[in-house]
Every structure is written in structure tokens, then in C-alpha cells.
Amino acid sequence: GRPGDADRAEEALDRLLDGYGIGPRHLDWHLATAVLRRCDEPLRRLAPHWQEQTARLLDTVAEVTRRCTAVTV
């Protein structure tokens, strides 16, 4: 939920997949689900800016989901 987390995660995933070649089918759906499951953490931890952190996580989920839809349609 911090600024830049999605970019860092994407970069790490790209590096990992470079080593393996093609990624597993539906990987983006799993990524979106994993991020969505973390959306309650800023509030549960009583983070000072939990609304913004939650919004960033949801934006990441939306971005990844759009990518999934574009590929599977």
C-alpha cells in the first residue's frame, strides 16, 4: 500500500519470469487476488493514512484485472 510498491512488485515479478521464461497461465489473476486479500491490512494496523494505502491497493487490483481481461477476451 505504499507509493511505488506496485512498481517494485512488478519489477521483481518481471525479473523472476525472465529466469523462467513464460509465466504460469493466469498469473495476473493470482496477483490481483493476493493484492485484494491485503486491502484490509492498513486499517487493521491502524496505519495513519490507511484510506490512501487501501485506495492504492485497490488501484493495483484494478490495473492488474484490466490486464487480465485484455489478455483473456
N, C-alpha and C. Protein backbone atom coordinates (compact mmCIF):
# COMPACT_ATOMS: atom_id res chain seq x y z
N GLY A 1 0.77 -1.19 0.00
CA GLY A 1 0.00 0.00 0.00
C GLY A 1 0.82 1.28 0.00
N ARG A 2 2.16 1.16 -0.01
CA ARG A 2 2.99 2.38 -0.04
C ARG A 2 3.20 2.81 -1.49
N PRO A 3 3.46 4.11 -1.70
CA PRO A 3 3.74 4.56 -3.06
C PRO A 3 4.93 3.79 -3.64
N GLY A 4 4.76 3.32 -4.86
CA GLY A 4 5.84 2.61 -5.54
C GLY A 4 5.86 1.11 -5.30
N ASP A 5 5.05 0.60 -4.36
CA ASP A 5 5.04 -0.84 -4.09
C ASP A 5 4.66 -1.65 -5.32
N ALA A 6 3.65 -1.19 -6.04
CA ALA A 6 3.20 -1.94 -7.22
C ALA A 6 4.30 -1.99 -8.27
N ASP A 7 5.00 -0.88 -8.46
CA ASP A 7 6.10 -0.85 -9.43
C ASP A 7 7.23 -1.79 -9.03
N ARG A 8 7.57 -1.78 -7.74
CA ARG A 8 8.63 -2.67 -7.26
C ARG A 8 8.22 -4.14 -7.39
N ALA A 9 6.97 -4.44 -7.09
CA ALA A 9 6.49 -5.81 -7.21
C ALA A 9 6.50 -6.26 -8.67
N GLU A 10 6.08 -5.37 -9.55
CA GLU A 10 6.07 -5.68 -10.99
C GLU A 10 7.49 -5.94 -11.49
N GLU A 11 8.42 -5.12 -11.06
CA GLU A 11 9.82 -5.29 -11.46
C GLU A 11 10.38 -6.62 -10.95
N ALA A 12 10.08 -6.95 -9.71
CA ALA A 12 10.55 -8.23 -9.14
C ALA A 12 9.94 -9.41 -9.89
N LEU A 13 8.66 -9.31 -10.22
CA LEU A 13 8.00 -10.38 -10.96
C LEU A 13 8.59 -10.52 -12.36
N ASP A 14 8.85 -9.40 -13.02
CA ASP A 14 9.47 -9.45 -14.35
C ASP A 14 10.83 -10.13 -14.30
N ARG A 15 11.62 -9.81 -13.29
CA ARG A 15 12.95 -10.45 -13.16
C ARG A 15 12.82 -11.95 -12.91
N LEU A 16 11.88 -12.32 -12.07
CA LEU A 16 11.65 -13.73 -11.78
C LEU A 16 11.25 -14.48 -13.05
N LEU A 17 10.32 -13.90 -13.80
CA LEU A 17 9.84 -14.56 -15.01
C LEU A 17 10.89 -14.59 -16.10
N ASP A 18 11.81 -13.62 -16.10
CA ASP A 18 12.92 -13.65 -17.06
C ASP A 18 13.73 -14.93 -16.88
N GLY A 19 13.88 -15.35 -15.65
CA GLY A 19 14.64 -16.56 -15.37
C GLY A 19 13.91 -17.83 -15.76
N TYR A 20 12.58 -17.78 -15.71
CA TYR A 20 11.78 -18.97 -16.02
C TYR A 20 11.25 -18.98 -17.44
N GLY A 21 11.34 -17.88 -18.13
CA GLY A 21 10.74 -17.79 -19.45
C GLY A 21 9.31 -17.31 -19.31
N ILE A 22 8.39 -18.03 -19.88
CA ILE A 22 6.98 -17.63 -19.82
C ILE A 22 6.41 -17.93 -18.44
N GLY A 23 5.55 -17.05 -17.97
CA GLY A 23 4.95 -17.23 -16.66
C GLY A 23 3.79 -18.21 -16.70
N PRO A 24 3.37 -18.66 -15.55
CA PRO A 24 2.24 -19.58 -15.49
C PRO A 24 0.96 -18.92 -15.99
N ARG A 25 0.09 -19.72 -16.53
CA ARG A 25 -1.19 -19.23 -17.03
C ARG A 25 -1.98 -18.63 -15.86
N HIS A 26 -2.63 -17.54 -16.10
CA HIS A 26 -3.48 -16.86 -15.12
C HIS A 26 -2.70 -16.28 -13.95
N LEU A 27 -1.43 -16.04 -14.10
CA LEU A 27 -0.63 -15.46 -13.01
C LEU A 27 -1.19 -14.12 -12.56
N ASP A 28 -1.64 -13.30 -13.50
CA ASP A 28 -2.16 -11.98 -13.14
C ASP A 28 -3.41 -12.09 -12.26
N TRP A 29 -4.25 -13.10 -12.50
CA TRP A 29 -5.43 -13.28 -11.65
C TRP A 29 -5.00 -13.61 -10.22
N HIS A 30 -3.99 -14.44 -10.09
CA HIS A 30 -3.48 -14.77 -8.75
C HIS A 30 -2.88 -13.54 -8.07
N LEU A 31 -2.17 -12.73 -8.85
CA LEU A 31 -1.60 -11.50 -8.31
C LEU A 31 -2.70 -10.55 -7.83
N ALA A 32 -3.73 -10.37 -8.64
CA ALA A 32 -4.84 -9.49 -8.26
C ALA A 32 -5.51 -9.99 -6.98
N THR A 33 -5.70 -11.29 -6.88
CA THR A 33 -6.32 -11.87 -5.68
C THR A 33 -5.45 -11.66 -4.45
N ALA A 34 -4.15 -11.85 -4.61
CA ALA A 34 -3.23 -11.68 -3.48
C ALA A 34 -3.23 -10.24 -2.98
N VAL A 35 -3.24 -9.29 -3.91
CA VAL A 35 -3.26 -7.88 -3.50
C VAL A 35 -4.61 -7.54 -2.85
N LEU A 36 -5.69 -8.04 -3.42
CA LEU A 36 -7.02 -7.78 -2.86
C LEU A 36 -7.12 -8.29 -1.42
N ARG A 37 -6.53 -9.43 -1.17
CA ARG A 37 -6.58 -10.00 0.19
C ARG A 37 -5.83 -9.13 1.20
N ARG A 38 -4.95 -8.27 0.74
CA ARG A 38 -4.17 -7.40 1.64
C ARG A 38 -4.86 -6.06 1.89
N CYS A 39 -5.98 -5.80 1.25
CA CYS A 39 -6.61 -4.48 1.33
C CYS A 39 -7.06 -4.10 2.74
N ASP A 40 -7.29 -5.04 3.60
CA ASP A 40 -7.75 -4.70 4.95
C ASP A 40 -6.59 -4.39 5.91
N GLU A 41 -5.39 -4.70 5.51
CA GLU A 41 -4.26 -4.56 6.43
C GLU A 41 -3.98 -3.13 6.89
N PRO A 42 -4.03 -2.12 6.02
CA PRO A 42 -3.77 -0.76 6.53
C PRO A 42 -4.74 -0.36 7.65
N LEU A 43 -6.00 -0.71 7.51
CA LEU A 43 -6.98 -0.38 8.55
C LEU A 43 -6.74 -1.23 9.80
N ARG A 44 -6.49 -2.52 9.62
CA ARG A 44 -6.26 -3.39 10.78
C ARG A 44 -5.03 -2.96 11.58
N ARG A 45 -4.02 -2.44 10.89
CA ARG A 45 -2.80 -1.97 11.57
C ARG A 45 -2.95 -0.54 12.07
N LEU A 46 -4.11 0.05 11.80
CA LEU A 46 -4.37 1.44 12.18
C LEU A 46 -3.31 2.38 11.62
N ALA A 47 -2.94 2.14 10.37
CA ALA A 47 -1.96 2.99 9.70
C ALA A 47 -2.53 4.41 9.61
N PRO A 48 -1.69 5.42 9.81
CA PRO A 48 -2.17 6.80 9.80
C PRO A 48 -2.92 7.19 8.52
N HIS A 49 -2.48 6.70 7.40
CA HIS A 49 -3.09 7.05 6.11
C HIS A 49 -3.70 5.81 5.48
N TRP A 50 -4.48 5.07 6.26
CA TRP A 50 -5.00 3.80 5.78
C TRP A 50 -5.90 3.95 4.56
N GLN A 51 -6.64 5.07 4.47
CA GLN A 51 -7.52 5.25 3.32
C GLN A 51 -6.72 5.32 2.03
N GLU A 52 -5.63 6.08 2.05
CA GLU A 52 -4.81 6.22 0.85
C GLU A 52 -4.12 4.90 0.50
N GLN A 53 -3.64 4.20 1.51
CA GLN A 53 -2.98 2.91 1.26
C GLN A 53 -3.96 1.91 0.68
N THR A 54 -5.17 1.87 1.23
CA THR A 54 -6.19 0.95 0.72
C THR A 54 -6.56 1.32 -0.71
N ALA A 55 -6.69 2.61 -0.99
CA ALA A 55 -7.01 3.05 -2.35
C ALA A 55 -5.92 2.65 -3.33
N ARG A 56 -4.65 2.77 -2.93
CA ARG A 56 -3.55 2.36 -3.82
C ARG A 56 -3.62 0.86 -4.09
N LEU A 57 -3.90 0.07 -3.06
CA LEU A 57 -4.01 -1.37 -3.26
C LEU A 57 -5.15 -1.69 -4.22
N LEU A 58 -6.29 -1.04 -4.04
CA LEU A 58 -7.42 -1.28 -4.93
C LEU A 58 -7.12 -0.82 -6.36
N ASP A 59 -6.38 0.27 -6.51
CA ASP A 59 -5.96 0.71 -7.84
C ASP A 59 -5.08 -0.34 -8.51
N THR A 60 -4.20 -0.95 -7.73
CA THR A 60 -3.34 -2.01 -8.26
C THR A 60 -4.17 -3.20 -8.70
N VAL A 61 -5.15 -3.58 -7.88
CA VAL A 61 -6.03 -4.69 -8.25
C VAL A 61 -6.75 -4.37 -9.56
N ALA A 62 -7.27 -3.16 -9.68
CA ALA A 62 -7.98 -2.77 -10.90
C ALA A 62 -7.06 -2.81 -12.11
N GLU A 63 -5.84 -2.32 -11.96
CA GLU A 63 -4.89 -2.32 -13.07
C GLU A 63 -4.56 -3.75 -13.51
N VAL A 64 -4.27 -4.61 -12.56
CA VAL A 64 -3.93 -5.99 -12.90
C VAL A 64 -5.14 -6.70 -13.50
N THR A 65 -6.33 -6.43 -12.99
CA THR A 65 -7.54 -7.06 -13.52
C THR A 65 -7.80 -6.62 -14.95
N ARG A 66 -7.58 -5.34 -15.25
CA ARG A 66 -7.73 -4.88 -16.64
C ARG A 66 -6.77 -5.61 -17.56
N ARG A 67 -5.56 -5.83 -17.08
CA ARG A 67 -4.57 -6.56 -17.87
C ARG A 67 -5.04 -7.99 -18.12
N CYS A 68 -5.64 -8.60 -17.13
CA CYS A 68 -6.15 -9.97 -17.27
C CYS A 68 -7.26 -10.01 -18.31
N THR A 69 -8.18 -9.06 -18.20
CA THR A 69 -9.32 -9.03 -19.11
C THR A 69 -8.87 -8.80 -20.54
N ALA A 70 -7.88 -7.94 -20.72
CA ALA A 70 -7.38 -7.65 -22.07
C ALA A 70 -6.77 -8.89 -22.70
N VAL A 71 -6.16 -9.74 -21.90
CA VAL A 71 -5.50 -10.92 -22.42
C VAL A 71 -6.48 -12.04 -22.68
N THR A 72 -7.50 -12.20 -21.82
CA THR A 72 -8.38 -13.35 -21.92
C THR A 72 -9.58 -13.15 -22.83
N VAL A 73 -9.89 -11.91 -23.21
CA VAL A 73 -11.07 -11.66 -24.04
C VAL A 73 -10.76 -11.96 -25.48
